[in-house]
């Protein structure tokens, strides 16, 4: 693979991981907006519910897209579709910024 091809591929991949909204995300504001989320996903983003995923350290763009998909109905989960329907694009960006800003340590067994 040529160096220019590799750089173009890297650029395309890294762009796909960026937040998909055009809003400036605010992690502090996101922390204030997760009162409903923390019941399943925890304030620290570590789920206490075995059916809810951990969100701490997740990729911000992925979280924004997932929330938007729940809101639109493109992604189905009874609880998440209800919660996401009332979120604005700014809310989604802020919540994603908060959960993605949580640092997670991975320790091998």
N, C-alpha and C. Protein backbone atom coordinates (compact mmCIF):
# COMPACT_ATOMS: atom_id res chain seq x y z
N UNK A 1 0.85 -1.17 0.00
CA UNK A 1 0.00 0.00 0.00
C UNK A 1 0.90 1.24 0.00
N UNK A 2 0.58 2.18 -0.88
CA UNK A 2 1.36 3.42 -0.94
C UNK A 2 1.08 4.27 0.29
N UNK A 3 2.06 5.11 0.61
CA UNK A 3 1.92 6.00 1.76
C UNK A 3 0.70 6.90 1.62
N UNK A 4 0.45 7.43 0.43
CA UNK A 4 -0.70 8.31 0.23
C UNK A 4 -2.00 7.55 0.41
N UNK A 5 -2.05 6.29 -0.03
CA UNK A 5 -3.25 5.48 0.16
C UNK A 5 -3.49 5.22 1.64
N UNK A 6 -2.42 4.94 2.36
CA UNK A 6 -2.54 4.69 3.80
C UNK A 6 -3.03 5.94 4.53
N UNK A 7 -2.53 7.10 4.14
CA UNK A 7 -2.96 8.35 4.78
C UNK A 7 -4.43 8.63 4.47
N UNK A 8 -4.85 8.37 3.26
CA UNK A 8 -6.26 8.59 2.90
C UNK A 8 -7.15 7.63 3.70
N UNK A 9 -6.73 6.38 3.84
CA UNK A 9 -7.50 5.41 4.60
C UNK A 9 -7.58 5.83 6.06
N UNK A 10 -6.45 6.26 6.64
CA UNK A 10 -6.44 6.71 8.02
C UNK A 10 -7.38 7.90 8.20
N UNK A 11 -7.34 8.84 7.28
CA UNK A 11 -8.22 10.01 7.34
C UNK A 11 -9.68 9.62 7.30
N UNK A 12 -10.02 8.69 6.43
CA UNK A 12 -11.41 8.24 6.31
C UNK A 12 -11.86 7.53 7.59
N UNK A 13 -11.00 6.68 8.14
CA UNK A 13 -11.35 5.96 9.35
C UNK A 13 -11.47 6.89 10.54
N UNK A 14 -10.54 7.80 10.71
CA UNK A 14 -10.57 8.69 11.86
C UNK A 14 -11.75 9.64 11.77
N UNK A 15 -12.13 10.07 10.58
CA UNK A 15 -13.29 10.93 10.42
C UNK A 15 -14.56 10.21 10.82
N UNK A 16 -14.64 8.90 10.54
CA UNK A 16 -15.84 8.16 10.89
C UNK A 16 -15.99 7.99 12.40
N UNK A 17 -14.94 8.24 13.16
CA UNK A 17 -15.02 8.12 14.60
C UNK A 17 -15.32 9.45 15.29
N UNK A 18 -15.39 10.51 14.53
CA UNK A 18 -15.70 11.82 15.11
C UNK A 18 -17.19 11.94 15.36
N UNK A 19 -17.59 12.81 16.29
CA UNK A 19 -19.01 13.01 16.52
C UNK A 19 -19.72 13.38 15.22
N UNK A 20 -20.93 12.85 15.04
CA UNK A 20 -21.64 13.08 13.80
C UNK A 20 -22.50 14.34 13.85
N UNK A 21 -22.65 14.94 15.01
CA UNK A 21 -23.46 16.15 15.07
C UNK A 21 -22.57 17.37 14.80
N UNK A 22 -23.20 18.45 14.41
CA UNK A 22 -22.47 19.68 14.17
C UNK A 22 -22.39 20.55 15.42
N UNK A 23 -22.76 20.01 16.56
CA UNK A 23 -22.82 20.78 17.80
C UNK A 23 -21.51 20.64 18.57
N UNK A 24 -21.14 21.73 19.23
CA UNK A 24 -19.97 21.68 20.11
C UNK A 24 -20.39 20.95 21.37
N UNK A 25 -19.77 19.82 21.63
CA UNK A 25 -20.14 19.00 22.76
C UNK A 25 -19.53 19.54 24.05
N UNK A 26 -20.28 19.41 25.14
CA UNK A 26 -19.86 19.89 26.45
C UNK A 26 -20.03 18.76 27.46
N UNK A 27 -18.92 18.14 27.85
CA UNK A 27 -18.98 17.00 28.77
C UNK A 27 -19.57 17.38 30.12
N UNK A 28 -19.29 18.58 30.60
CA UNK A 28 -19.87 19.02 31.89
C UNK A 28 -21.38 19.10 31.79
N UNK A 29 -21.87 19.66 30.70
CA UNK A 29 -23.32 19.73 30.49
C UNK A 29 -23.89 18.31 30.35
N UNK A 30 -23.15 17.43 29.70
CA UNK A 30 -23.58 16.05 29.53
C UNK A 30 -23.77 15.35 30.86
N UNK A 31 -22.87 15.62 31.80
CA UNK A 31 -22.99 15.00 33.12
C UNK A 31 -24.28 15.41 33.80
N UNK A 32 -24.71 16.63 33.56
CA UNK A 32 -25.96 17.12 34.15
C UNK A 32 -27.19 16.51 33.48
N UNK A 33 -27.01 15.99 32.27
CA UNK A 33 -28.14 15.50 31.47
C UNK A 33 -28.35 13.99 31.58
N UNK A 34 -27.55 13.28 32.35
CA UNK A 34 -27.63 11.82 32.34
C UNK A 34 -28.44 11.24 33.50
N UNK A 35 -29.29 12.03 34.11
CA UNK A 35 -30.06 11.51 35.25
C UNK A 35 -30.86 10.26 34.87
N UNK A 36 -31.45 10.24 33.70
CA UNK A 36 -32.20 9.06 33.26
C UNK A 36 -31.23 7.94 32.89
N UNK A 37 -30.13 8.27 32.25
CA UNK A 37 -29.16 7.27 31.77
C UNK A 37 -28.53 6.48 32.90
N UNK A 38 -28.25 7.18 34.02
CA UNK A 38 -27.47 6.54 35.06
C UNK A 38 -28.22 5.41 35.76
N UNK A 39 -29.53 5.34 35.61
CA UNK A 39 -30.27 4.23 36.20
C UNK A 39 -29.79 2.89 35.66
N UNK A 40 -29.47 2.85 34.37
CA UNK A 40 -28.99 1.60 33.74
C UNK A 40 -27.49 1.62 33.48
N UNK A 41 -26.95 2.77 33.06
CA UNK A 41 -25.55 2.83 32.62
C UNK A 41 -24.61 3.34 33.71
N UNK A 42 -25.14 3.83 34.82
CA UNK A 42 -24.32 4.31 35.92
C UNK A 42 -23.76 5.71 35.68
N UNK A 43 -23.57 6.47 36.75
CA UNK A 43 -22.99 7.81 36.66
C UNK A 43 -21.59 7.73 36.10
N UNK A 44 -20.89 6.65 36.44
CA UNK A 44 -19.52 6.47 35.98
C UNK A 44 -19.45 5.74 34.64
N UNK A 45 -20.62 5.46 34.04
CA UNK A 45 -20.65 4.78 32.75
C UNK A 45 -20.43 3.29 32.83
N UNK A 46 -20.36 2.76 34.05
CA UNK A 46 -20.19 1.32 34.25
C UNK A 46 -21.53 0.76 34.71
N UNK A 47 -22.14 -0.01 33.85
CA UNK A 47 -23.49 -0.50 34.05
C UNK A 47 -23.61 -1.40 35.26
N UNK A 48 -24.67 -1.17 36.00
CA UNK A 48 -25.01 -2.05 37.13
C UNK A 48 -26.06 -3.06 36.67
N UNK A 49 -26.57 -2.87 35.47
CA UNK A 49 -27.62 -3.70 34.88
C UNK A 49 -26.97 -4.62 33.85
N UNK A 50 -27.09 -5.93 34.01
CA UNK A 50 -26.43 -6.84 33.07
C UNK A 50 -26.93 -6.73 31.63
N UNK A 51 -28.08 -6.11 31.42
CA UNK A 51 -28.61 -5.96 30.06
C UNK A 51 -28.25 -4.62 29.41
N UNK A 52 -27.59 -3.74 30.16
CA UNK A 52 -27.21 -2.43 29.64
C UNK A 52 -25.70 -2.38 29.47
N UNK A 53 -25.23 -1.85 28.34
CA UNK A 53 -23.78 -1.81 28.12
C UNK A 53 -23.08 -0.73 28.94
N UNK A 54 -21.80 -0.94 29.18
CA UNK A 54 -20.95 0.10 29.76
C UNK A 54 -20.73 1.18 28.70
N UNK A 55 -20.79 2.43 29.11
CA UNK A 55 -20.59 3.54 28.17
C UNK A 55 -19.29 4.30 28.43
N UNK A 56 -18.68 4.09 29.58
CA UNK A 56 -17.45 4.80 29.92
C UNK A 56 -16.37 4.53 28.89
N UNK A 57 -15.78 5.60 28.39
CA UNK A 57 -14.67 5.48 27.45
C UNK A 57 -15.08 5.10 26.03
N UNK A 58 -16.37 4.99 25.77
CA UNK A 58 -16.83 4.63 24.43
C UNK A 58 -16.52 5.78 23.46
N UNK A 59 -16.41 5.48 22.20
CA UNK A 59 -16.10 6.48 21.18
C UNK A 59 -17.27 7.46 21.04
N UNK A 60 -16.96 8.74 21.14
CA UNK A 60 -17.98 9.79 21.15
C UNK A 60 -18.89 9.74 19.93
N UNK A 61 -18.32 9.63 18.76
CA UNK A 61 -19.13 9.59 17.54
C UNK A 61 -20.06 8.40 17.50
N UNK A 62 -19.61 7.27 18.01
CA UNK A 62 -20.45 6.08 18.09
C UNK A 62 -21.66 6.34 18.98
N UNK A 63 -21.43 6.96 20.15
CA UNK A 63 -22.53 7.24 21.08
C UNK A 63 -23.54 8.21 20.47
N UNK A 64 -23.06 9.24 19.80
CA UNK A 64 -23.97 10.20 19.16
C UNK A 64 -24.82 9.49 18.11
N UNK A 65 -24.18 8.68 17.28
CA UNK A 65 -24.91 7.96 16.24
C UNK A 65 -25.91 6.98 16.83
N UNK A 66 -25.50 6.25 17.87
CA UNK A 66 -26.41 5.30 18.51
C UNK A 66 -27.63 6.02 19.07
N UNK A 67 -27.43 7.15 19.75
CA UNK A 67 -28.56 7.90 20.29
C UNK A 67 -29.47 8.41 19.18
N UNK A 68 -28.87 8.93 18.12
CA UNK A 68 -29.67 9.41 16.99
C UNK A 68 -30.46 8.26 16.35
N UNK A 69 -29.85 7.10 16.25
CA UNK A 69 -30.54 5.94 15.68
C UNK A 69 -31.68 5.46 16.58
N UNK A 70 -31.49 5.51 17.89
CA UNK A 70 -32.58 5.17 18.81
C UNK A 70 -33.72 6.18 18.67
N UNK A 71 -33.36 7.45 18.57
CA UNK A 71 -34.37 8.50 18.44
C UNK A 71 -35.18 8.33 17.15
N UNK A 72 -34.51 8.02 16.05
CA UNK A 72 -35.20 7.90 14.76
C UNK A 72 -35.94 6.56 14.62
N UNK A 73 -35.59 5.59 15.45
CA UNK A 73 -36.18 4.27 15.34
C UNK A 73 -35.38 3.33 14.47
N UNK A 74 -34.27 3.81 13.90
CA UNK A 74 -33.41 2.96 13.07
C UNK A 74 -32.78 1.85 13.91
N UNK A 75 -32.63 2.11 15.18
CA UNK A 75 -32.10 1.11 16.12
C UNK A 75 -33.17 0.88 17.17
N UNK A 76 -33.46 -0.37 17.48
CA UNK A 76 -34.57 -0.69 18.36
C UNK A 76 -34.14 -1.23 19.72
N UNK A 77 -34.63 -0.58 20.76
CA UNK A 77 -34.54 -1.05 22.14
C UNK A 77 -35.64 -0.31 22.87
N UNK A 78 -36.54 -1.05 23.48
CA UNK A 78 -37.72 -0.45 24.08
C UNK A 78 -37.39 0.73 25.00
N UNK A 79 -36.44 0.54 25.90
CA UNK A 79 -36.08 1.60 26.84
C UNK A 79 -35.39 2.76 26.15
N UNK A 80 -34.41 2.44 25.30
CA UNK A 80 -33.62 3.50 24.66
C UNK A 80 -34.45 4.33 23.68
N UNK A 81 -35.39 3.71 22.97
CA UNK A 81 -36.23 4.47 22.05
C UNK A 81 -37.07 5.49 22.81
N UNK A 82 -37.53 5.13 24.00
CA UNK A 82 -38.33 6.05 24.82
C UNK A 82 -37.45 7.19 25.33
N UNK A 83 -36.28 6.85 25.86
CA UNK A 83 -35.38 7.86 26.42
C UNK A 83 -34.88 8.82 25.34
N UNK A 84 -34.47 8.29 24.20
CA UNK A 84 -33.85 9.10 23.16
C UNK A 84 -34.82 10.01 22.43
N UNK A 85 -36.10 9.69 22.44
CA UNK A 85 -37.06 10.48 21.65
C UNK A 85 -37.13 11.95 22.08
N UNK A 86 -36.81 12.22 23.34
CA UNK A 86 -36.87 13.60 23.84
C UNK A 86 -35.53 14.32 23.83
N UNK A 87 -34.47 13.66 23.36
CA UNK A 87 -33.15 14.29 23.36
C UNK A 87 -32.97 15.17 22.12
N UNK A 88 -32.42 16.36 22.34
CA UNK A 88 -32.05 17.22 21.21
C UNK A 88 -30.68 16.77 20.69
N UNK A 89 -30.28 17.29 19.55
CA UNK A 89 -28.95 16.97 19.02
C UNK A 89 -27.87 17.45 19.98
N UNK A 90 -28.10 18.61 20.61
CA UNK A 90 -27.14 19.12 21.59
C UNK A 90 -27.05 18.19 22.79
N UNK A 91 -28.21 17.70 23.27
CA UNK A 91 -28.21 16.76 24.40
C UNK A 91 -27.39 15.52 24.05
N UNK A 92 -27.62 14.96 22.86
CA UNK A 92 -26.90 13.76 22.44
C UNK A 92 -25.39 14.02 22.38
N UNK A 93 -25.01 15.16 21.84
CA UNK A 93 -23.58 15.51 21.75
C UNK A 93 -22.97 15.65 23.14
N UNK A 94 -23.68 16.30 24.06
CA UNK A 94 -23.17 16.51 25.41
C UNK A 94 -23.06 15.19 26.19
N UNK A 95 -24.08 14.36 26.09
CA UNK A 95 -24.07 13.07 26.79
C UNK A 95 -22.94 12.20 26.26
N UNK A 96 -22.78 12.16 24.95
CA UNK A 96 -21.70 11.38 24.35
C UNK A 96 -20.34 11.92 24.78
N UNK A 97 -20.21 13.23 24.85
CA UNK A 97 -18.94 13.83 25.28
C UNK A 97 -18.62 13.44 26.72
N UNK A 98 -19.64 13.43 27.57
CA UNK A 98 -19.41 13.05 28.97
C UNK A 98 -18.94 11.60 29.08
N UNK A 99 -19.74 10.68 28.54
CA UNK A 99 -19.38 9.27 28.69
C UNK A 99 -18.04 8.94 28.01
N UNK A 100 -17.76 9.56 26.88
CA UNK A 100 -16.50 9.27 26.20
C UNK A 100 -15.30 9.87 26.91
N UNK A 101 -15.54 10.87 27.76
CA UNK A 101 -14.42 11.50 28.47
C UNK A 101 -13.99 10.71 29.71
N UNK A 102 -14.76 9.73 30.11
CA UNK A 102 -14.42 8.92 31.26
C UNK A 102 -13.28 7.98 30.88
N UNK A 103 -12.21 8.04 31.65
CA UNK A 103 -11.06 7.19 31.36
C UNK A 103 -11.27 5.80 31.94
N UNK A 104 -10.93 4.82 31.15
CA UNK A 104 -11.11 3.43 31.55
C UNK A 104 -9.75 2.72 31.50
N UNK A 105 -9.43 2.00 32.54
CA UNK A 105 -8.21 1.19 32.56
C UNK A 105 -8.59 -0.24 32.21
N UNK A 106 -7.84 -0.81 31.31
CA UNK A 106 -8.05 -2.19 30.92
C UNK A 106 -6.90 -2.99 31.52
N UNK A 107 -7.24 -3.94 32.35
CA UNK A 107 -6.24 -4.76 33.00
C UNK A 107 -6.37 -6.19 32.51
N UNK A 108 -5.31 -6.74 31.91
CA UNK A 108 -5.38 -8.11 31.46
C UNK A 108 -5.53 -9.07 32.65
N UNK A 109 -6.16 -10.20 32.43
CA UNK A 109 -6.36 -11.15 33.53
C UNK A 109 -5.05 -11.71 34.05
